[in-house]
Amino acid sequence: MSHHLFLLSPSDTPIYSLTHYSTKLPQPTSSSLSSNLPTWSTSAFAGTLTALSGASSATQSHHVQGGAVRMGGGQDRHVIQMIANASLDVIEDVMRKESAMYLKSVDKFNEWTVSAFITPGNMKFILLHETKNDDGIRSFFHDVWELYLKTMLNPFHTAHSPIRSIVFDTRVRASAKKYL
């Protein structure tokens, strides 16, 4: 099971991203998009449908520390970025309607659910996840927000510039391991 976090500036510039692979075994999913279509319709687009549906072949599985199997190849990163980018319009629509910082699940694409957290400074924290864990995600977003604020208080860090701090990365990963 994986979680993908993106921190975006108010102008939607990526500042930080994290992919966290949980050691928990993923729950069985229903059949993929490409398996629901007739074989003649998927032959020319098999790679695209496979990537968009989240399915993967045996050659694309990788073993992760702890014995869990992580699915997907290099192309999955681009699909994840596309899903996060496509959800920005939905997030902005929900922002106009609600004044809450934690927007819960704002969008869904196949097995991926998009949750968002908006700071008072209009920073967007976007998390793509496969399972429902509202309390854990809320706590994770609050931890990341606190870490982000501490990073912004650093006089040597420029606001809205990419975060390259090893301490920030380590603490976000620890929080992801704790809550997700």
N, C-alpha and C. Protein backbone atom coordinates (compact mmCIF):
# COMPACT_ATOMS: atom_id res chain seq x y z
N MET A 1 0.84 -1.15 0.00
CA MET A 1 0.00 0.00 0.00
C MET A 1 0.90 1.24 0.00
N SER A 2 0.57 2.20 -0.81
CA SER A 2 1.42 3.37 -0.89
C SER A 2 0.61 4.65 -0.67
N HIS A 3 1.33 5.67 -0.24
CA HIS A 3 0.77 7.00 -0.02
C HIS A 3 1.70 7.98 -0.72
N HIS A 4 1.13 8.96 -1.37
CA HIS A 4 1.92 9.96 -2.09
C HIS A 4 1.52 11.34 -1.59
N LEU A 5 2.49 12.06 -1.06
CA LEU A 5 2.26 13.39 -0.51
C LEU A 5 2.90 14.43 -1.41
N PHE A 6 2.16 15.51 -1.66
CA PHE A 6 2.67 16.63 -2.43
C PHE A 6 2.38 17.91 -1.66
N LEU A 7 3.38 18.77 -1.49
CA LEU A 7 3.20 20.09 -0.92
C LEU A 7 3.32 21.08 -2.06
N LEU A 8 2.30 21.92 -2.22
CA LEU A 8 2.27 22.88 -3.31
C LEU A 8 2.14 24.29 -2.76
N SER A 9 2.86 25.21 -3.38
CA SER A 9 2.79 26.62 -2.98
C SER A 9 1.45 27.20 -3.42
N PRO A 10 1.11 28.40 -2.99
CA PRO A 10 -0.16 29.01 -3.43
C PRO A 10 -0.27 29.15 -4.95
N SER A 11 0.87 29.20 -5.64
CA SER A 11 0.84 29.27 -7.11
C SER A 11 0.94 27.88 -7.73
N ASP A 12 0.71 26.82 -6.93
CA ASP A 12 0.72 25.41 -7.36
C ASP A 12 2.08 24.92 -7.84
N THR A 13 3.13 25.52 -7.33
CA THR A 13 4.49 25.05 -7.62
C THR A 13 4.85 23.96 -6.61
N PRO A 14 5.33 22.81 -7.08
CA PRO A 14 5.70 21.74 -6.14
C PRO A 14 6.87 22.16 -5.25
N ILE A 15 6.72 21.95 -3.95
CA ILE A 15 7.75 22.31 -2.99
C ILE A 15 8.38 21.05 -2.39
N TYR A 16 7.57 20.01 -2.22
CA TYR A 16 8.07 18.78 -1.62
C TYR A 16 7.16 17.64 -2.05
N SER A 17 7.73 16.47 -2.25
CA SER A 17 6.92 15.29 -2.52
C SER A 17 7.53 14.09 -1.82
N LEU A 18 6.67 13.16 -1.45
CA LEU A 18 7.09 11.97 -0.73
C LEU A 18 6.23 10.80 -1.18
N THR A 19 6.87 9.66 -1.40
CA THR A 19 6.16 8.41 -1.64
C THR A 19 6.49 7.49 -0.49
N HIS A 20 5.45 7.07 0.21
CA HIS A 20 5.63 6.22 1.40
C HIS A 20 4.97 4.87 1.13
N TYR A 21 5.75 3.80 1.25
CA TYR A 21 5.22 2.46 1.07
C TYR A 21 5.00 1.83 2.43
N SER A 22 3.76 1.51 2.72
CA SER A 22 3.41 0.90 4.00
C SER A 22 3.79 -0.57 3.97
N THR A 23 4.15 -1.12 5.11
CA THR A 23 4.49 -2.53 5.19
C THR A 23 3.25 -3.39 5.35
N LYS A 24 2.08 -2.76 5.48
CA LYS A 24 0.83 -3.50 5.56
C LYS A 24 0.51 -4.06 4.18
N LEU A 25 -0.03 -5.28 4.16
CA LEU A 25 -0.40 -5.88 2.89
C LEU A 25 -1.63 -5.19 2.34
N PRO A 26 -1.64 -4.89 1.03
CA PRO A 26 -2.81 -4.23 0.45
C PRO A 26 -4.01 -5.15 0.42
N GLN A 27 -5.20 -4.55 0.51
CA GLN A 27 -6.43 -5.31 0.43
C GLN A 27 -6.67 -5.69 -1.01
N PRO A 28 -7.28 -6.86 -1.27
CA PRO A 28 -7.55 -7.25 -2.65
C PRO A 28 -8.48 -6.25 -3.30
N THR A 29 -8.17 -5.90 -4.53
CA THR A 29 -8.97 -4.93 -5.27
C THR A 29 -9.81 -5.64 -6.30
N SER A 30 -10.81 -4.96 -6.77
CA SER A 30 -11.65 -5.53 -7.82
C SER A 30 -10.87 -5.55 -9.12
N SER A 31 -11.47 -6.09 -10.15
CA SER A 31 -10.77 -6.23 -11.42
C SER A 31 -10.39 -4.88 -11.97
N SER A 32 -9.29 -4.84 -12.69
CA SER A 32 -8.78 -3.58 -13.21
C SER A 32 -9.57 -3.13 -14.43
N LEU A 33 -9.39 -1.89 -14.82
CA LEU A 33 -10.09 -1.30 -15.94
C LEU A 33 -9.84 -2.08 -17.22
N SER A 34 -8.60 -2.45 -17.48
CA SER A 34 -8.27 -3.13 -18.73
C SER A 34 -8.86 -4.54 -18.79
N SER A 35 -9.08 -5.18 -17.64
CA SER A 35 -9.65 -6.53 -17.67
C SER A 35 -11.16 -6.49 -17.87
N ASN A 36 -11.81 -5.35 -17.69
CA ASN A 36 -13.25 -5.23 -17.89
C ASN A 36 -13.61 -4.96 -19.34
N LEU A 37 -12.64 -4.64 -20.16
CA LEU A 37 -12.89 -4.32 -21.55
C LEU A 37 -12.58 -5.52 -22.44
N PRO A 38 -13.21 -5.61 -23.59
CA PRO A 38 -12.90 -6.70 -24.51
C PRO A 38 -11.43 -6.64 -24.94
N THR A 39 -10.86 -7.79 -25.27
CA THR A 39 -9.44 -7.84 -25.63
C THR A 39 -9.13 -7.05 -26.88
N TRP A 40 -10.06 -6.99 -27.83
CA TRP A 40 -9.78 -6.26 -29.05
C TRP A 40 -9.66 -4.76 -28.82
N SER A 41 -10.32 -4.24 -27.77
CA SER A 41 -10.28 -2.80 -27.54
C SER A 41 -9.06 -2.36 -26.74
N THR A 42 -8.36 -3.30 -26.11
CA THR A 42 -7.23 -2.90 -25.29
C THR A 42 -5.88 -3.18 -25.92
N SER A 43 -5.87 -3.85 -27.05
CA SER A 43 -4.58 -4.25 -27.62
C SER A 43 -3.70 -3.05 -27.95
N ALA A 44 -4.25 -2.01 -28.54
CA ALA A 44 -3.43 -0.85 -28.92
C ALA A 44 -3.11 0.04 -27.74
N PHE A 45 -3.95 -0.01 -26.70
CA PHE A 45 -3.79 0.89 -25.57
C PHE A 45 -3.49 0.16 -24.27
N ALA A 46 -2.99 -1.04 -24.36
CA ALA A 46 -2.80 -1.88 -23.16
C ALA A 46 -1.90 -1.20 -22.13
N GLY A 47 -0.82 -0.61 -22.55
CA GLY A 47 0.09 0.04 -21.60
C GLY A 47 -0.55 1.21 -20.91
N THR A 48 -1.29 2.03 -21.67
CA THR A 48 -1.94 3.20 -21.09
C THR A 48 -3.04 2.79 -20.12
N LEU A 49 -3.87 1.82 -20.52
CA LEU A 49 -4.94 1.37 -19.64
C LEU A 49 -4.39 0.71 -18.39
N THR A 50 -3.32 -0.04 -18.55
CA THR A 50 -2.72 -0.68 -17.39
C THR A 50 -2.19 0.36 -16.42
N ALA A 51 -1.52 1.38 -16.95
CA ALA A 51 -0.97 2.42 -16.08
C ALA A 51 -2.08 3.21 -15.39
N LEU A 52 -3.14 3.55 -16.12
CA LEU A 52 -4.22 4.34 -15.55
C LEU A 52 -5.07 3.54 -14.57
N SER A 53 -5.17 2.24 -14.79
CA SER A 53 -6.00 1.43 -13.90
C SER A 53 -5.27 1.05 -12.62
N GLY A 54 -3.95 1.22 -12.60
CA GLY A 54 -3.19 0.86 -11.41
C GLY A 54 -2.73 -0.57 -11.45
N ALA A 55 -3.06 -1.29 -12.50
CA ALA A 55 -2.62 -2.68 -12.61
C ALA A 55 -1.17 -2.71 -13.05
N SER A 56 -0.52 -3.83 -12.84
CA SER A 56 0.86 -3.96 -13.29
C SER A 56 1.14 -5.41 -13.59
N SER A 57 2.17 -5.61 -14.37
CA SER A 57 2.55 -6.97 -14.72
C SER A 57 3.54 -7.50 -13.71
N ALA A 58 3.82 -8.78 -13.80
CA ALA A 58 4.75 -9.40 -12.86
C ALA A 58 6.15 -8.84 -13.00
N THR A 59 6.49 -8.34 -14.18
CA THR A 59 7.83 -7.80 -14.37
C THR A 59 8.00 -6.45 -13.70
N GLN A 60 6.89 -5.83 -13.29
CA GLN A 60 6.98 -4.51 -12.69
C GLN A 60 6.91 -4.54 -11.18
N SER A 61 6.82 -5.71 -10.57
CA SER A 61 6.73 -5.75 -9.11
C SER A 61 8.12 -5.71 -8.50
N HIS A 62 8.23 -5.03 -7.39
CA HIS A 62 9.51 -4.87 -6.71
C HIS A 62 9.31 -5.24 -5.25
N HIS A 63 10.29 -5.93 -4.68
CA HIS A 63 10.18 -6.28 -3.26
C HIS A 63 10.69 -5.12 -2.43
N VAL A 64 9.96 -4.84 -1.37
CA VAL A 64 10.28 -3.74 -0.48
C VAL A 64 10.71 -4.34 0.85
N GLN A 65 11.51 -3.61 1.57
CA GLN A 65 11.96 -4.05 2.87
C GLN A 65 10.76 -4.41 3.74
N GLY A 66 10.83 -5.55 4.39
CA GLY A 66 9.73 -6.00 5.24
C GLY A 66 8.89 -7.07 4.56
N GLY A 67 9.22 -7.45 3.32
CA GLY A 67 8.54 -8.54 2.66
C GLY A 67 7.33 -8.13 1.83
N ALA A 68 6.88 -6.89 1.93
CA ALA A 68 5.73 -6.46 1.13
C ALA A 68 6.16 -6.28 -0.31
N VAL A 69 5.22 -6.41 -1.20
CA VAL A 69 5.51 -6.24 -2.62
C VAL A 69 4.93 -4.91 -3.07
N ARG A 70 5.75 -4.10 -3.70
CA ARG A 70 5.32 -2.82 -4.23
C ARG A 70 5.09 -3.00 -5.72
N MET A 71 3.94 -2.61 -6.18
CA MET A 71 3.60 -2.80 -7.58
C MET A 71 3.87 -1.52 -8.35
N GLY A 72 4.20 -1.69 -9.62
CA GLY A 72 4.33 -0.55 -10.51
C GLY A 72 5.75 -0.32 -10.93
N GLY A 73 5.90 0.33 -12.06
CA GLY A 73 7.21 0.65 -12.60
C GLY A 73 7.43 2.13 -12.58
N GLY A 74 8.34 2.61 -13.40
CA GLY A 74 8.67 4.02 -13.45
C GLY A 74 7.54 4.88 -13.97
N GLN A 75 6.66 4.32 -14.79
CA GLN A 75 5.58 5.11 -15.36
C GLN A 75 4.52 5.47 -14.33
N ASP A 76 4.44 4.72 -13.23
CA ASP A 76 3.44 5.00 -12.20
C ASP A 76 3.64 6.37 -11.58
N ARG A 77 4.85 6.83 -11.47
CA ARG A 77 5.14 8.14 -10.89
C ARG A 77 4.44 9.23 -11.69
N HIS A 78 4.43 9.09 -13.01
CA HIS A 78 3.79 10.09 -13.86
C HIS A 78 2.27 10.04 -13.74
N VAL A 79 1.73 8.85 -13.57
CA VAL A 79 0.28 8.72 -13.39
C VAL A 79 -0.13 9.35 -12.07
N ILE A 80 0.64 9.11 -11.01
CA ILE A 80 0.35 9.70 -9.70
C ILE A 80 0.40 11.23 -9.79
N GLN A 81 1.41 11.78 -10.47
CA GLN A 81 1.50 13.23 -10.62
C GLN A 81 0.32 13.77 -11.42
N MET A 82 -0.12 13.02 -12.42
CA MET A 82 -1.27 13.45 -13.22
C MET A 82 -2.53 13.50 -12.36
N ILE A 83 -2.73 12.49 -11.51
CA ILE A 83 -3.91 12.44 -10.65
C ILE A 83 -3.89 13.61 -9.67
N ALA A 84 -2.74 13.86 -9.05
CA ALA A 84 -2.61 14.98 -8.11
C ALA A 84 -2.86 16.31 -8.80
N ASN A 85 -2.31 16.47 -10.00
CA ASN A 85 -2.46 17.72 -10.75
C ASN A 85 -3.92 17.92 -11.17
N ALA A 86 -4.57 16.84 -11.60
CA ALA A 86 -5.96 16.94 -12.03
C ALA A 86 -6.89 17.26 -10.87
N SER A 87 -6.51 16.90 -9.67
CA SER A 87 -7.37 17.15 -8.51
C SER A 87 -7.30 18.60 -8.03
N LEU A 88 -6.37 19.39 -8.52
CA LEU A 88 -6.23 20.77 -8.05
C LEU A 88 -7.49 21.60 -8.30
N ASP A 89 -8.15 21.41 -9.44
CA ASP A 89 -9.38 22.17 -9.72
C ASP A 89 -10.47 21.81 -8.72
N VAL A 90 -10.59 20.53 -8.41
CA VAL A 90 -11.60 20.08 -7.45
C VAL A 90 -11.29 20.66 -6.08
N ILE A 91 -10.01 20.65 -5.70
CA ILE A 91 -9.60 21.18 -4.41
C ILE A 91 -9.95 22.66 -4.30
N GLU A 92 -9.69 23.42 -5.36
CA GLU A 92 -10.00 24.85 -5.33
C GLU A 92 -11.50 25.10 -5.26
N ASP A 93 -12.30 24.25 -5.92
CA ASP A 93 -13.76 24.38 -5.81
C ASP A 93 -14.22 24.12 -4.38
N VAL A 94 -13.68 23.09 -3.74
CA VAL A 94 -14.05 22.77 -2.36
C VAL A 94 -13.57 23.87 -1.41
N MET A 95 -12.41 24.45 -1.70
CA MET A 95 -11.87 25.55 -0.88
C MET A 95 -12.84 26.73 -0.85
N ARG A 96 -13.46 27.02 -1.98
CA ARG A 96 -14.38 28.15 -2.05
C ARG A 96 -15.65 27.91 -1.23
N LYS A 97 -16.07 26.63 -1.15
CA LYS A 97 -17.31 26.28 -0.46
C LYS A 97 -17.12 26.06 1.03
N GLU A 98 -15.97 25.53 1.43
CA GLU A 98 -15.74 25.19 2.83
C GLU A 98 -14.60 26.02 3.40
N SER A 99 -14.68 26.30 4.68
CA SER A 99 -13.61 27.07 5.32
C SER A 99 -12.69 26.17 6.14
N ALA A 100 -12.92 24.87 6.12
CA ALA A 100 -12.10 23.94 6.89
C ALA A 100 -10.72 23.79 6.25
N MET A 101 -9.75 23.50 7.09
CA MET A 101 -8.39 23.28 6.57
C MET A 101 -8.25 21.87 6.02
N TYR A 102 -8.80 20.88 6.72
CA TYR A 102 -8.73 19.50 6.27
C TYR A 102 -9.97 19.22 5.42
N LEU A 103 -9.76 18.95 4.15
CA LEU A 103 -10.88 18.78 3.22
C LEU A 103 -11.29 17.33 3.02
N LYS A 104 -10.70 16.40 3.78
CA LYS A 104 -10.98 14.96 3.67
C LYS A 104 -10.75 14.50 2.24
N SER A 105 -11.58 13.59 1.76
CA SER A 105 -11.38 13.09 0.39
C SER A 105 -12.15 13.98 -0.58
N VAL A 106 -11.43 14.61 -1.47
CA VAL A 106 -12.04 15.56 -2.40
C VAL A 106 -12.20 14.98 -3.80
N ASP A 107 -11.46 13.91 -4.11
CA ASP A 107 -11.52 13.35 -5.46
C ASP A 107 -11.15 11.87 -5.39
N LYS A 108 -11.52 11.13 -6.42
CA LYS A 108 -11.20 9.71 -6.48
C LYS A 108 -10.91 9.36 -7.93
N PHE A 109 -9.85 8.60 -8.14
CA PHE A 109 -9.49 8.12 -9.47
C PHE A 109 -9.11 6.66 -9.34
N ASN A 110 -9.93 5.77 -9.88
CA ASN A 110 -9.77 4.32 -9.72
C ASN A 110 -9.61 4.00 -8.24
N GLU A 111 -8.51 3.39 -7.83
CA GLU A 111 -8.34 3.03 -6.42
C GLU A 111 -7.75 4.17 -5.59
N TRP A 112 -7.34 5.26 -6.22
CA TRP A 112 -6.69 6.37 -5.50
C TRP A 112 -7.72 7.37 -5.01
N THR A 113 -7.63 7.70 -3.73
CA THR A 113 -8.44 8.76 -3.14
C THR A 113 -7.53 9.94 -2.86
N VAL A 114 -8.00 11.14 -3.16
CA VAL A 114 -7.22 12.35 -2.97
C VAL A 114 -7.77 13.10 -1.76
N SER A 115 -6.92 13.29 -0.75
CA SER A 115 -7.27 14.09 0.42
C SER A 115 -6.42 15.36 0.39
N ALA A 116 -6.97 16.43 0.93
CA ALA A 116 -6.25 17.70 0.88
C ALA A 116 -6.32 18.43 2.22
N PHE A 117 -5.32 19.25 2.43
CA PHE A 117 -5.21 20.09 3.63
C PHE A 117 -4.73 21.45 3.14
N ILE A 118 -5.46 22.50 3.48
CA ILE A 118 -5.11 23.85 3.03
C ILE A 118 -4.72 24.68 4.24
N THR A 119 -3.53 25.27 4.19
CA THR A 119 -3.05 26.08 5.31
C THR A 119 -3.63 27.50 5.19
N PRO A 120 -3.58 28.28 6.26
CA PRO A 120 -4.04 29.67 6.18
C PRO A 120 -3.25 30.49 5.14
N GLY A 121 -2.02 30.11 4.86
CA GLY A 121 -1.22 30.79 3.84
C GLY A 121 -1.48 30.27 2.44
N ASN A 122 -2.51 29.43 2.26
CA ASN A 122 -2.94 28.89 0.97
C ASN A 122 -2.00 27.82 0.40
N MET A 123 -1.16 27.23 1.25
CA MET A 123 -0.36 26.08 0.81
C MET A 123 -1.31 24.89 0.70
N LYS A 124 -1.08 24.04 -0.28
CA LYS A 124 -1.91 22.86 -0.46
C LYS A 124 -1.07 21.61 -0.17
N PHE A 125 -1.56 20.79 0.74
CA PHE A 125 -0.97 19.49 1.02
C PHE A 125 -1.92 18.46 0.41
N ILE A 126 -1.43 17.69 -0.53
CA ILE A 126 -2.26 16.71 -1.23
C ILE A 126 -1.72 15.32 -0.93
N LEU A 127 -2.60 14.41 -0.55
CA LEU A 127 -2.22 13.04 -0.26
C LEU A 127 -3.07 12.10 -1.10
N LEU A 128 -2.41 11.23 -1.87
CA LEU A 128 -3.08 10.17 -2.61
C LEU A 128 -2.93 8.90 -1.81
N HIS A 129 -4.03 8.22 -1.57
CA HIS A 129 -4.00 7.00 -0.76
C HIS A 129 -5.04 6.02 -1.27
N GLU A 130 -4.88 4.76 -0.86
CA GLU A 130 -5.77 3.71 -1.34
C GLU A 130 -6.80 3.28 -0.31
N THR A 131 -6.56 3.52 0.95
CA THR A 131 -7.48 3.09 2.00
C THR A 131 -8.03 4.29 2.76
N LYS A 132 -9.15 4.08 3.42
CA LYS A 132 -9.77 5.15 4.20
C LYS A 132 -9.21 5.13 5.61
N ASN A 133 -8.68 6.26 6.05
CA ASN A 133 -8.10 6.40 7.39
C ASN A 133 -8.16 7.88 7.76
N ASP A 134 -9.37 8.41 7.90
CA ASP A 134 -9.55 9.86 8.10
C ASP A 134 -8.81 10.41 9.30
N ASP A 135 -8.88 9.73 10.44
CA ASP A 135 -8.21 10.23 11.64
C ASP A 135 -6.70 10.22 11.48
N GLY A 136 -6.16 9.15 10.91
CA GLY A 136 -4.72 9.06 10.69
C GLY A 136 -4.23 10.10 9.70
N ILE A 137 -5.01 10.31 8.63
CA ILE A 137 -4.62 11.30 7.61
C ILE A 137 -4.68 12.71 8.20
N ARG A 138 -5.71 12.99 8.99
CA ARG A 138 -5.82 14.31 9.64
C ARG A 138 -4.61 14.56 10.55
N SER A 139 -4.25 13.56 11.36
CA SER A 139 -3.10 13.69 12.25
C SER A 139 -1.80 13.84 11.46
N PHE A 140 -1.69 13.10 10.36
CA PHE A 140 -0.51 13.21 9.51
C PHE A 140 -0.40 14.62 8.93
N PHE A 141 -1.51 15.16 8.41
CA PHE A 141 -1.48 16.51 7.85
C PHE A 141 -1.10 17.54 8.91
N HIS A 142 -1.60 17.39 10.12
CA HIS A 142 -1.25 18.34 11.19
C HIS A 142 0.23 18.26 11.53
N ASP A 143 0.78 17.05 11.56
CA ASP A 143 2.22 16.90 11.80
C ASP A 143 3.05 17.54 10.68
N VAL A 144 2.65 17.30 9.44
CA VAL A 144 3.38 17.87 8.30
C VAL A 144 3.27 19.39 8.33
N TRP A 145 2.10 19.91 8.68
CA TRP A 145 1.94 21.37 8.76
C TRP A 145 2.86 21.95 9.82
N GLU A 146 2.93 21.30 10.98
CA GLU A 146 3.82 21.77 12.03
C GLU A 146 5.28 21.74 11.57
N LEU A 147 5.68 20.67 10.90
CA LEU A 147 7.05 20.58 10.37
C LEU A 147 7.30 21.65 9.31
N TYR A 148 6.30 21.89 8.47
CA TYR A 148 6.42 22.94 7.45
C TYR A 148 6.61 24.31 8.09
N LEU A 149 5.82 24.60 9.14
CA LEU A 149 5.95 25.89 9.83
C LEU A 149 7.34 26.05 10.44
N LYS A 150 7.86 24.99 11.04
CA LYS A 150 9.20 25.06 11.62
C LYS A 150 10.25 25.30 10.55
N THR A 151 10.05 24.72 9.37
CA THR A 151 10.98 24.94 8.26
C THR A 151 10.89 26.38 7.77
N MET A 152 9.69 26.93 7.70
CA MET A 152 9.52 28.31 7.24
C MET A 152 10.10 29.32 8.23
N LEU A 153 10.18 28.94 9.52
CA LEU A 153 10.77 29.84 10.51
C LEU A 153 12.29 29.88 10.43
N ASN A 154 12.87 28.98 9.68
CA ASN A 154 14.31 28.96 9.50
C ASN A 154 14.71 30.18 8.66
N PRO A 155 15.58 31.05 9.17
CA PRO A 155 15.93 32.26 8.42
C PRO A 155 16.73 31.97 7.14
N PHE A 156 17.24 30.77 7.00
CA PHE A 156 18.01 30.42 5.81
C PHE A 156 17.17 29.76 4.72
N HIS A 157 15.88 29.60 4.98
CA HIS A 157 15.00 29.01 3.97
C HIS A 157 14.12 30.09 3.36
N THR A 158 14.05 30.12 2.05
CA THR A 158 13.22 31.09 1.34
C THR A 158 11.81 30.52 1.19
N ALA A 159 10.81 31.35 1.48
CA ALA A 159 9.43 30.90 1.39
C ALA A 159 9.08 30.46 -0.03
N HIS A 160 8.27 29.44 -0.13
CA HIS A 160 7.77 28.89 -1.39
C HIS A 160 8.87 28.36 -2.31
N SER A 161 10.00 28.01 -1.74
CA SER A 161 11.06 27.36 -2.52
C SER A 161 11.10 25.89 -2.11
N PRO A 162 11.63 25.02 -2.95
CA PRO A 162 11.66 23.58 -2.63
C PRO A 162 12.33 23.30 -1.29
N ILE A 163 11.75 22.37 -0.55
CA ILE A 163 12.30 21.98 0.75
C ILE A 163 13.25 20.81 0.52
N ARG A 164 14.51 21.02 0.85
CA ARG A 164 15.53 19.99 0.66
C ARG A 164 16.17 19.57 1.99
N SER A 165 15.53 19.91 3.07
CA SER A 165 16.06 19.61 4.39
C SER A 165 15.94 18.12 4.68
N ILE A 166 17.06 17.52 5.08
CA ILE A 166 17.07 16.10 5.43
C ILE A 166 16.27 15.87 6.71
N VAL A 167 16.34 16.82 7.63
CA VAL A 167 15.59 16.71 8.89
C VAL A 167 14.09 16.73 8.60
N PHE A 168 13.64 17.65 7.75
CA PHE A 168 12.23 17.72 7.37
C PHE A 168 11.79 16.41 6.75
N ASP A 169 12.56 15.90 5.81
CA ASP A 169 12.22 14.66 5.12
C ASP A 169 12.15 13.49 6.10
N THR A 170 13.11 13.38 6.99
CA THR A 170 13.14 12.29 7.97
C THR A 170 11.92 12.34 8.89
N ARG A 171 11.57 13.53 9.33
CA ARG A 171 10.43 13.68 10.24
C ARG A 171 9.09 13.44 9.54
N VAL A 172 8.98 13.85 8.28
CA VAL A 172 7.75 13.58 7.53
C VAL A 172 7.61 12.06 7.32
N ARG A 173 8.71 11.40 7.00
CA ARG A 173 8.67 9.94 6.83
C ARG A 173 8.30 9.24 8.14
N ALA A 174 8.81 9.72 9.26
CA ALA A 174 8.46 9.13 10.56
C ALA A 174 6.97 9.34 10.85
N SER A 175 6.45 10.50 10.53
CA SER A 175 5.03 10.77 10.73
C SER A 175 4.17 9.90 9.82
N ALA A 176 4.61 9.70 8.59
CA ALA A 176 3.88 8.83 7.66
C ALA A 176 3.87 7.40 8.18
N LYS A 177 4.99 6.96 8.69
CA LYS A 177 5.06 5.60 9.24
C LYS A 177 4.15 5.46 10.46
N LYS A 178 4.04 6.52 11.25
CA LYS A 178 3.22 6.48 12.46
C LYS A 178 1.72 6.50 12.15
N TYR A 179 1.29 7.36 11.24
CA TYR A 179 -0.14 7.57 11.03
C TYR A 179 -0.73 6.88 9.81
N LEU A 180 0.07 6.60 8.80
CA LEU A 180 -0.50 6.04 7.57
C LEU A 180 -0.32 4.58 7.46
